[in-house]
Amino acid sequence: MPYKDPEQKKASSTRYRAHHPERVKASRAARHAAHREQDNARSAAWRSNHPEERKAYDASYLANHPEEKRARDVNYLATHVEEKKAYDAARYATHQKEENARSAAWRAEHREEARVRSAAWRMANPEEAKATKIAWRKTHPEEAKARDATYQKAHPEVHRAAGARHKARKRALPATLTAKQWQAIKAAYGNRCAYCGKKSQHLTQDHVVPLTKSGGTTMENIVPACGPCNSSKGANLPVNPVKLVLL
């Protein structure tokens, strides 16, 4: 028998939902499946006409269902990659300063995580990473120059090794010597010149077989030499045979 009093009907409906949550849930799901378009349109209209109520409801729901929200976000990002990429690009274009500031603040608070993420992205996207770096250096020449100078001052051995490899590559010669290998070579010689035996903290890389005679920048062709010995040897082969300690 239908209720004449709307309040009585409301109370009865509330009691039913409280005592039969699974039935109510199944009933709503079935109804939504049968009237999806109408329900979505009705929901969109309500949200459009009640922005403050919608905002309060969303905030309350997110606070009470964090795991469900996280799972929904992950699923959306996985199934809408291009849409998310387009949205991010459009937002960055219109809020560039705010996004840069937000990104900088996050990196400052999460340095290690930012470093790991950046390294993983570069490994997964080597060509894009290279293009991004080249583009940045072109648009920030002074900053790039200052960064290079700071890095070279802090890592002189790495800089020298890179320079030697560059010279070898220009001559189409092997260039595989790394900074770590150079450190190992110096340690094997006791930080002494391979020619005169003097100990020095400023040893240079000398090609036993010079670049001009097709000697590569490799672990097998590099020995430590003091400045005077390296200069006097020049582009010649050693006068006396040199024992390559690491061979």
C-alpha atoms as a PDB file:
ATOM      1  CA  MET A   1       0.000   0.000   0.000  1.00  0.00           C
ATOM      2  CA  PRO A   2       1.616   3.304  -1.025  1.00  0.00           C
ATOM      3  CA  TYR A   3       2.516   5.855   1.613  1.00  0.00           C
ATOM      4  CA  LYS A   4       0.489   9.050   1.689  1.00  0.00           C
ATOM      5  CA  ASP A   5       2.971  10.822   3.911  1.00  0.00           C
ATOM      6  CA  PRO A   6       6.177  11.590   1.915  1.00  0.00           C
ATOM      7  CA  GLU A   7       8.258  11.733   5.101  1.00  0.00           C
ATOM      8  CA  GLN A   8       7.060   8.271   6.071  1.00  0.00           C
ATOM      9  CA  LYS A   9       7.956   6.981   2.623  1.00  0.00           C
ATOM     10  CA  LYS A  10      11.390   8.569   2.849  1.00  0.00           C
ATOM     11  CA  ALA A  11      12.026   7.001   6.263  1.00  0.00           C
ATOM     12  CA  SER A  12      10.929   3.587   5.005  1.00  0.00           C
ATOM     13  CA  SER A  13      13.223   3.864   1.961  1.00  0.00           C
ATOM     14  CA  THR A  14      16.125   4.839   4.184  1.00  0.00           C
ATOM     15  CA  ARG A  15      15.538   1.814   6.444  1.00  0.00           C
ATOM     16  CA  TYR A  16      15.363  -0.512   3.447  1.00  0.00           C
ATOM     17  CA  ARG A  17      18.672   0.764   2.019  1.00  0.00           C
ATOM     18  CA  ALA A  18      20.324   0.381   5.427  1.00  0.00           C
ATOM     19  CA  HIS A  19      19.121  -3.231   5.831  1.00  0.00           C
ATOM     20  CA  HIS A  20      19.661  -4.385   2.218  1.00  0.00           C
ATOM     21  CA  PRO A  21      22.775  -2.590   0.879  1.00  0.00           C
ATOM     22  CA  GLU A  22      23.693  -5.356  -1.576  1.00  0.00           C
ATOM     23  CA  ARG A  23      20.195  -5.472  -3.106  1.00  0.00           C
ATOM     24  CA  VAL A  24      20.177  -1.687  -3.460  1.00  0.00           C
ATOM     25  CA  LYS A  25      23.627  -1.720  -5.040  1.00  0.00           C
ATOM     26  CA  ALA A  26      22.652  -4.439  -7.542  1.00  0.00           C
ATOM     27  CA  SER A  27      19.391  -2.656  -8.365  1.00  0.00           C
ATOM     28  CA  ARG A  28      21.178   0.640  -9.026  1.00  0.00           C
ATOM     29  CA  ALA A  29      23.793  -1.086 -11.180  1.00  0.00           C
ATOM     30  CA  ALA A  30      21.137  -2.804 -13.271  1.00  0.00           C
ATOM     31  CA  ARG A  31      19.195   0.431 -13.689  1.00  0.00           C
ATOM     32  CA  HIS A  32      22.313   2.370 -14.673  1.00  0.00           C
ATOM     33  CA  ALA A  33      23.246  -0.289 -17.225  1.00  0.00           C
ATOM     34  CA  ALA A  34      19.780   0.009 -18.787  1.00  0.00           C
ATOM     35  CA  HIS A  35      19.647   3.820 -18.690  1.00  0.00           C
ATOM     36  CA  ARG A  36      23.306   4.817 -18.937  1.00  0.00           C
ATOM     37  CA  GLU A  37      22.828   7.724 -21.349  1.00  0.00           C
ATOM     38  CA  GLN A  38      19.958   9.267 -19.388  1.00  0.00           C
ATOM     39  CA  ASP A  39      21.780   8.863 -16.046  1.00  0.00           C
ATOM     40  CA  ASN A  40      24.979  10.414 -17.407  1.00  0.00           C
ATOM     41  CA  ALA A  41      23.062  13.355 -18.882  1.00  0.00           C
ATOM     42  CA  ARG A  42      21.134  13.878 -15.638  1.00  0.00           C
ATOM     43  CA  SER A  43      24.346  13.708 -13.598  1.00  0.00           C
ATOM     44  CA  ALA A  44      26.144  16.153 -15.915  1.00  0.00           C
ATOM     45  CA  ALA A  45      23.216  18.588 -15.728  1.00  0.00           C
ATOM     46  CA  TRP A  46      23.127  18.437 -11.938  1.00  0.00           C
ATOM     47  CA  ARG A  47      26.888  18.949 -11.648  1.00  0.00           C
ATOM     48  CA  SER A  48      26.670  21.919 -13.996  1.00  0.00           C
ATOM     49  CA  ASN A  49      23.840  23.533 -12.034  1.00  0.00           C
ATOM     50  CA  HIS A  50      25.284  22.879  -8.552  1.00  0.00           C
ATOM     51  CA  PRO A  51      29.051  23.631  -8.770  1.00  0.00           C
ATOM     52  CA  GLU A  52      29.569  24.298  -5.051  1.00  0.00           C
ATOM     53  CA  GLU A  53      27.603  21.230  -3.950  1.00  0.00           C
ATOM     54  CA  ARG A  54      29.434  19.153  -6.542  1.00  0.00           C
ATOM     55  CA  LYS A  55      32.802  20.421  -5.281  1.00  0.00           C
ATOM     56  CA  ALA A  56      31.910  19.608  -1.658  1.00  0.00           C
ATOM     57  CA  TYR A  57      30.639  16.156  -2.622  1.00  0.00           C
ATOM     58  CA  ASP A  58      33.765  15.363  -4.659  1.00  0.00           C
ATOM     59  CA  ALA A  59      36.053  16.472  -1.814  1.00  0.00           C
ATOM     60  CA  SER A  60      34.137  14.326   0.680  1.00  0.00           C
ATOM     61  CA  TYR A  61      34.180  11.310  -1.624  1.00  0.00           C
ATOM     62  CA  LEU A  62      37.905  11.576  -2.337  1.00  0.00           C
ATOM     63  CA  ALA A  63      38.675  11.884   1.373  1.00  0.00           C
ATOM     64  CA  ASN A  64      36.663   8.748   2.176  1.00  0.00           C
ATOM     65  CA  HIS A  65      37.729   6.624  -0.828  1.00  0.00           C
ATOM     66  CA  PRO A  66      41.456   7.343  -1.490  1.00  0.00           C
ATOM     67  CA  GLU A  67      42.277   3.841  -2.775  1.00  0.00           C
ATOM     68  CA  GLU A  68      39.319   3.806  -5.164  1.00  0.00           C
ATOM     69  CA  LYS A  69      40.309   7.262  -6.423  1.00  0.00           C
ATOM     70  CA  ARG A  70      43.907   6.136  -6.945  1.00  0.00           C
ATOM     71  CA  ALA A  71      42.844   2.993  -8.829  1.00  0.00           C
ATOM     72  CA  ARG A  72      40.473   5.009 -11.006  1.00  0.00           C
ATOM     73  CA  ASP A  73      43.217   7.517 -11.829  1.00  0.00           C
ATOM     74  CA  VAL A  74      45.696   4.768 -12.729  1.00  0.00           C
ATOM     75  CA  ASN A  75      43.137   3.090 -14.983  1.00  0.00           C
ATOM     76  CA  TYR A  76      42.262   6.368 -16.688  1.00  0.00           C
ATOM     77  CA  LEU A  77      45.905   7.276 -17.348  1.00  0.00           C
ATOM     78  CA  ALA A  78      46.573   3.814 -18.769  1.00  0.00           C
ATOM     79  CA  THR A  79      43.604   3.975 -21.155  1.00  0.00           C
ATOM     80  CA  HIS A  80      43.791   7.673 -22.114  1.00  0.00           C
ATOM     81  CA  VAL A  81      47.503   8.240 -22.773  1.00  0.00           C
ATOM     82  CA  GLU A  82      47.075  10.593 -25.714  1.00  0.00           C
ATOM     83  CA  GLU A  83      44.285  12.604 -24.043  1.00  0.00           C
ATOM     84  CA  LYS A  84      46.421  13.056 -20.905  1.00  0.00           C
ATOM     85  CA  LYS A  85      49.418  14.090 -22.995  1.00  0.00           C
ATOM     86  CA  ALA A  86      47.316  16.648 -24.924  1.00  0.00           C
ATOM     87  CA  TYR A  87      45.804  17.982 -21.687  1.00  0.00           C
ATOM     88  CA  ASP A  88      49.238  18.374 -20.069  1.00  0.00           C
ATOM     89  CA  ALA A  89      50.613  20.139 -23.144  1.00  0.00           C
ATOM     90  CA  ALA A  90      47.649  22.538 -23.283  1.00  0.00           C
ATOM     91  CA  ARG A  91      47.855  23.293 -19.574  1.00  0.00           C
ATOM     92  CA  TYR A  92      51.613  23.881 -19.746  1.00  0.00           C
ATOM     93  CA  ALA A  93      51.151  26.234 -22.698  1.00  0.00           C
ATOM     94  CA  THR A  94      48.710  28.405 -20.735  1.00  0.00           C
ATOM     95  CA  HIS A  95      50.310  28.073 -17.265  1.00  0.00           C
ATOM     96  CA  GLN A  96      54.000  27.784 -18.084  1.00  0.00           C
ATOM     97  CA  LYS A  97      55.340  29.868 -15.189  1.00  0.00           C
ATOM     98  CA  GLU A  98      53.096  28.201 -12.593  1.00  0.00           C
ATOM     99  CA  GLU A  99      53.947  24.703 -13.875  1.00  0.00           C
ATOM    100  CA  ASN A 100      57.682  25.426 -13.903  1.00  0.00           C
ATOM    101  CA  ALA A 101      57.517  26.781 -10.351  1.00  0.00           C
ATOM    102  CA  ARG A 102      55.495  23.777  -9.169  1.00  0.00           C
ATOM    103  CA  SER A 103      57.885  21.358 -10.858  1.00  0.00           C
ATOM    104  CA  ALA A 104      60.939  23.106  -9.386  1.00  0.00           C
ATOM    105  CA  ALA A 105      59.414  23.031  -5.891  1.00  0.00           C
ATOM    106  CA  TRP A 106      58.667  19.314  -6.193  1.00  0.00           C
ATOM    107  CA  ARG A 107      62.190  18.503  -7.404  1.00  0.00           C
ATOM    108  CA  ALA A 108      63.676  20.499  -4.533  1.00  0.00           C
ATOM    109  CA  GLU A 109      61.690  18.453  -2.005  1.00  0.00           C
ATOM    110  CA  HIS A 110      62.215  15.077  -3.746  1.00  0.00           C
ATOM    111  CA  ARG A 111      65.753  15.281  -5.154  1.00  0.00           C
ATOM    112  CA  GLU A 112      66.504  11.551  -5.142  1.00  0.00           C
ATOM    113  CA  GLU A 113      63.134  10.547  -6.582  1.00  0.00           C
ATOM    114  CA  ALA A 114      63.459  13.244  -9.252  1.00  0.00           C
ATOM    115  CA  ARG A 115      66.935  11.991 -10.151  1.00  0.00           C
ATOM    116  CA  VAL A 116      65.742   8.386 -10.429  1.00  0.00           C
ATOM    117  CA  ARG A 117      62.705   9.378 -12.528  1.00  0.00           C
ATOM    118  CA  SER A 118      64.836  11.516 -14.827  1.00  0.00           C
ATOM    119  CA  ALA A 119      67.405   8.752 -15.334  1.00  0.00           C
ATOM    120  CA  ALA A 120      64.682   6.186 -16.046  1.00  0.00           C
ATOM    121  CA  TRP A 121      63.037   8.508 -18.578  1.00  0.00           C
ATOM    122  CA  ARG A 122      66.351   9.154 -20.372  1.00  0.00           C
ATOM    123  CA  MET A 123      67.038   5.421 -20.620  1.00  0.00           C
ATOM    124  CA  ALA A 124      63.547   4.746 -21.970  1.00  0.00           C
ATOM    125  CA  ASN A 125      63.612   7.698 -24.409  1.00  0.00           C
ATOM    126  CA  PRO A 126      67.262   8.200 -25.495  1.00  0.00           C
ATOM    127  CA  GLU A 127      66.531   9.982 -28.767  1.00  0.00           C
ATOM    128  CA  GLU A 128      63.948  12.335 -27.233  1.00  0.00           C
ATOM    129  CA  ALA A 129      66.285  13.024 -24.298  1.00  0.00           C
ATOM    130  CA  LYS A 130      69.117  13.880 -26.684  1.00  0.00           C
ATOM    131  CA  ALA A 131      66.897  16.180 -28.745  1.00  0.00           C
ATOM    132  CA  THR A 132      65.597  17.879 -25.587  1.00  0.00           C
ATOM    133  CA  LYS A 133      69.133  18.486 -24.340  1.00  0.00           C
ATOM    134  CA  ILE A 134      70.263  19.929 -27.679  1.00  0.00           C
ATOM    135  CA  ALA A 135      67.197  22.198 -27.860  1.00  0.00           C
ATOM    136  CA  TRP A 136      67.771  23.410 -24.295  1.00  0.00           C
ATOM    137  CA  ARG A 137      71.428  24.215 -24.964  1.00  0.00           C
ATOM    138  CA  LYS A 138      70.452  26.208 -28.042  1.00  0.00           C
ATOM    139  CA  THR A 139      67.901  28.289 -26.141  1.00  0.00           C
ATOM    140  CA  HIS A 140      70.066  28.680 -22.978  1.00  0.00           C
ATOM    141  CA  PRO A 141      73.640  29.125 -24.311  1.00  0.00           C
ATOM    142  CA  GLU A 142      74.960  31.152 -21.373  1.00  0.00           C
ATOM    143  CA  GLU A 143      73.476  28.843 -18.756  1.00  0.00           C
ATOM    144  CA  ALA A 144      74.784  25.797 -20.643  1.00  0.00           C
ATOM    145  CA  LYS A 145      78.253  27.357 -20.813  1.00  0.00           C
ATOM    146  CA  ALA A 146      78.221  28.080 -17.074  1.00  0.00           C
ATOM    147  CA  ARG A 147      77.072  24.531 -16.287  1.00  0.00           C
ATOM    148  CA  ASP A 148      79.818  23.063 -18.478  1.00  0.00           C
ATOM    149  CA  ALA A 149      82.465  25.200 -16.760  1.00  0.00           C
ATOM    150  CA  THR A 150      81.241  24.177 -13.301  1.00  0.00           C
ATOM    151  CA  TYR A 151      81.185  20.488 -14.235  1.00  0.00           C
ATOM    152  CA  GLN A 152      84.625  20.601 -15.852  1.00  0.00           C
ATOM    153  CA  LYS A 153      86.082  22.250 -12.762  1.00  0.00           C
ATOM    154  CA  ALA A 154      84.529  19.642 -10.470  1.00  0.00           C
ATOM    155  CA  HIS A 155      85.348  16.653 -12.743  1.00  0.00           C
ATOM    156  CA  PRO A 156      88.582  17.466 -14.627  1.00  0.00           C
ATOM    157  CA  GLU A 157      89.396  13.801 -15.272  1.00  0.00           C
ATOM    158  CA  VAL A 158      86.023  13.149 -16.886  1.00  0.00           C
ATOM    159  CA  HIS A 159      86.477  16.260 -19.029  1.00  0.00           C
ATOM    160  CA  ARG A 160      89.965  15.222 -20.175  1.00  0.00           C
ATOM    161  CA  ALA A 161      88.804  11.694 -20.992  1.00  0.00           C
ATOM    162  CA  ALA A 162      85.893  13.056 -23.034  1.00  0.00           C
ATOM    163  CA  GLY A 163      88.250  15.402 -24.902  1.00  0.00           C
ATOM    164  CA  ALA A 164      90.631  12.580 -25.730  1.00  0.00           C
ATOM    165  CA  ARG A 165      87.787  10.380 -26.964  1.00  0.00           C
ATOM    166  CA  HIS A 166      86.516  13.245 -29.135  1.00  0.00           C
ATOM    167  CA  LYS A 167      89.914  13.692 -30.790  1.00  0.00           C
ATOM    168  CA  ALA A 168      90.142   9.960 -31.466  1.00  0.00           C
ATOM    169  CA  ARG A 169      86.648   9.811 -32.957  1.00  0.00           C
ATOM    170  CA  LYS A 170      87.451  12.733 -35.282  1.00  0.00           C
ATOM    171  CA  ARG A 171      90.228  10.552 -36.712  1.00  0.00           C
ATOM    172  CA  ALA A 172      87.938   7.503 -36.856  1.00  0.00           C
ATOM    173  CA  LEU A 173      90.088   5.739 -34.232  1.00  0.00           C
ATOM    174  CA  PRO A 174      88.981   3.607 -31.259  1.00  0.00           C
ATOM    175  CA  ALA A 175      87.930   5.760 -28.314  1.00  0.00           C
ATOM    176  CA  THR A 176      86.801   3.556 -25.427  1.00  0.00           C
ATOM    177  CA  LEU A 177      88.812   4.890 -22.468  1.00  0.00           C
ATOM    178  CA  THR A 178      86.597   5.899 -19.558  1.00  0.00           C
ATOM    179  CA  ALA A 179      87.324   8.107 -16.563  1.00  0.00           C
ATOM    180  CA  LYS A 180      87.186   5.028 -14.321  1.00  0.00           C
ATOM    181  CA  GLN A 181      89.764   3.218 -16.453  1.00  0.00           C
ATOM    182  CA  TRP A 182      92.014   6.286 -16.400  1.00  0.00           C
ATOM    183  CA  GLN A 183      91.883   6.331 -12.603  1.00  0.00           C
ATOM    184  CA  ALA A 184      92.817   2.618 -12.594  1.00  0.00           C
ATOM    185  CA  ILE A 185      95.771   3.245 -14.929  1.00  0.00           C
ATOM    186  CA  LYS A 186      97.147   6.027 -12.712  1.00  0.00           C
ATOM    187  CA  ALA A 187      96.739   3.854  -9.623  1.00  0.00           C
ATOM    188  CA  ALA A 188      98.548   0.970 -11.345  1.00  0.00           C
ATOM    189  CA  TYR A 189     101.517   3.276 -12.017  1.00  0.00           C
ATOM    190  CA  GLY A 190     101.421   4.586  -8.436  1.00  0.00           C
ATOM    191  CA  ASN A 191     100.497   8.065  -9.714  1.00  0.00           C
ATOM    192  CA  ARG A 192     103.906   8.293 -11.360  1.00  0.00           C
ATOM    193  CA  CYS A 193     104.936   9.310 -14.869  1.00  0.00           C
ATOM    194  CA  ALA A 194     105.440   6.229 -17.066  1.00  0.00           C
ATOM    195  CA  TYR A 195     108.559   7.837 -18.597  1.00  0.00           C
ATOM    196  CA  CYS A 196     110.512   9.574 -15.826  1.00  0.00           C
ATOM    197  CA  GLY A 197     108.925   7.894 -12.795  1.00  0.00           C
ATOM    198  CA  LYS A 198     108.177  11.173 -10.982  1.00  0.00           C
ATOM    199  CA  LYS A 199     105.093  11.256  -8.800  1.00  0.00           C
ATOM    200  CA  SER A 200     102.543  13.927  -9.681  1.00  0.00           C
ATOM    201  CA  GLN A 201      98.966  14.929  -8.953  1.00  0.00           C
ATOM    202  CA  HIS A 202      98.642  16.447 -12.442  1.00  0.00           C
ATOM    203  CA  LEU A 203      99.408  13.518 -14.747  1.00  0.00           C
ATOM    204  CA  THR A 204      98.244  13.718 -18.351  1.00  0.00           C
ATOM    205  CA  GLN A 205      97.038  11.012 -20.703  1.00  0.00           C
ATOM    206  CA  ASP A 206      99.717  10.093 -23.204  1.00  0.00           C
ATOM    207  CA  HIS A 207      99.048   7.930 -26.245  1.00  0.00           C
ATOM    208  CA  VAL A 208     101.915   5.405 -26.475  1.00  0.00           C
ATOM    209  CA  VAL A 209     101.120   5.127 -30.181  1.00  0.00           C
ATOM    210  CA  PRO A 210     100.145   8.724 -31.062  1.00  0.00           C
ATOM    211  CA  LEU A 211      96.846   9.641 -32.683  1.00  0.00           C
ATOM    212  CA  THR A 212      98.768  10.732 -35.775  1.00  0.00           C
ATOM    213  CA  LYS A 213     100.067   7.154 -36.103  1.00  0.00           C
ATOM    214  CA  SER A 214      96.597   5.577 -35.679  1.00  0.00           C
ATOM    215  CA  GLY A 215      96.851   5.001 -31.949  1.00  0.00           C
ATOM    216  CA  GLY A 216      93.436   4.926 -30.298  1.00  0.00           C
ATOM    217  CA  THR A 217      92.286   6.348 -26.976  1.00  0.00           C
ATOM    218  CA  THR A 218      91.984   2.973 -25.307  1.00  0.00           C
ATOM    219  CA  MET A 219      93.071   1.426 -22.039  1.00  0.00           C
ATOM    220  CA  GLU A 220      95.789  -0.485 -23.921  1.00  0.00           C
ATOM    221  CA  ASN A 221      97.344   2.646 -25.465  1.00  0.00           C
ATOM    222  CA  ILE A 222      97.227   5.204 -22.647  1.00  0.00           C
ATOM    223  CA  VAL A 223      99.838   5.768 -19.943  1.00  0.00           C
ATOM    224  CA  PRO A 224     100.184   8.542 -17.341  1.00  0.00           C
ATOM    225  CA  ALA A 225     102.793  11.179 -18.156  1.00  0.00           C
ATOM    226  CA  CYS A 226     103.928  14.370 -16.491  1.00  0.00           C
ATOM    227  CA  GLY A 227     103.571  17.573 -18.514  1.00  0.00           C
ATOM    228  CA  PRO A 228     107.258  17.879 -19.560  1.00  0.00           C
ATOM    229  CA  CYS A 229     107.534  14.232 -20.686  1.00  0.00           C
ATOM    230  CA  ASN A 230     104.281  14.404 -22.618  1.00  0.00           C
ATOM    231  CA  SER A 231     105.393  17.611 -24.363  1.00  0.00           C
ATOM    232  CA  SER A 232     108.876  16.305 -25.225  1.00  0.00           C
ATOM    233  CA  LYS A 233     107.463  13.035 -26.610  1.00  0.00           C
ATOM    234  CA  GLY A 234     104.964  14.918 -28.762  1.00  0.00           C
ATOM    235  CA  ALA A 235     103.533  12.928 -31.673  1.00  0.00           C
ATOM    236  CA  ASN A 236     106.392  10.395 -31.679  1.00  0.00           C
ATOM    237  CA  LEU A 237     106.706   6.832 -30.464  1.00  0.00           C
ATOM    238  CA  PRO A 238     108.527   6.402 -27.110  1.00  0.00           C
ATOM    239  CA  VAL A 239     112.315   6.365 -27.349  1.00  0.00           C
ATOM    240  CA  ASN A 240     112.422   3.578 -24.768  1.00  0.00           C
ATOM    241  CA  PRO A 241     109.827   0.795 -24.592  1.00  0.00           C
ATOM    242  CA  VAL A 242     107.015   1.491 -22.109  1.00  0.00           C
ATOM    243  CA  LYS A 243     105.650  -1.308 -19.981  1.00  0.00           C
ATOM    244  CA  LEU A 244     101.857  -1.229 -20.035  1.00  0.00           C
ATOM    245  CA  VAL A 245     101.104  -2.225 -16.445  1.00  0.00           C
ATOM    246  CA  LEU A 246      97.433  -3.265 -16.897  1.00  0.00           C
ATOM    247  CA  LEU A 247      98.077  -5.642 -19.837  1.00  0.00           C
END
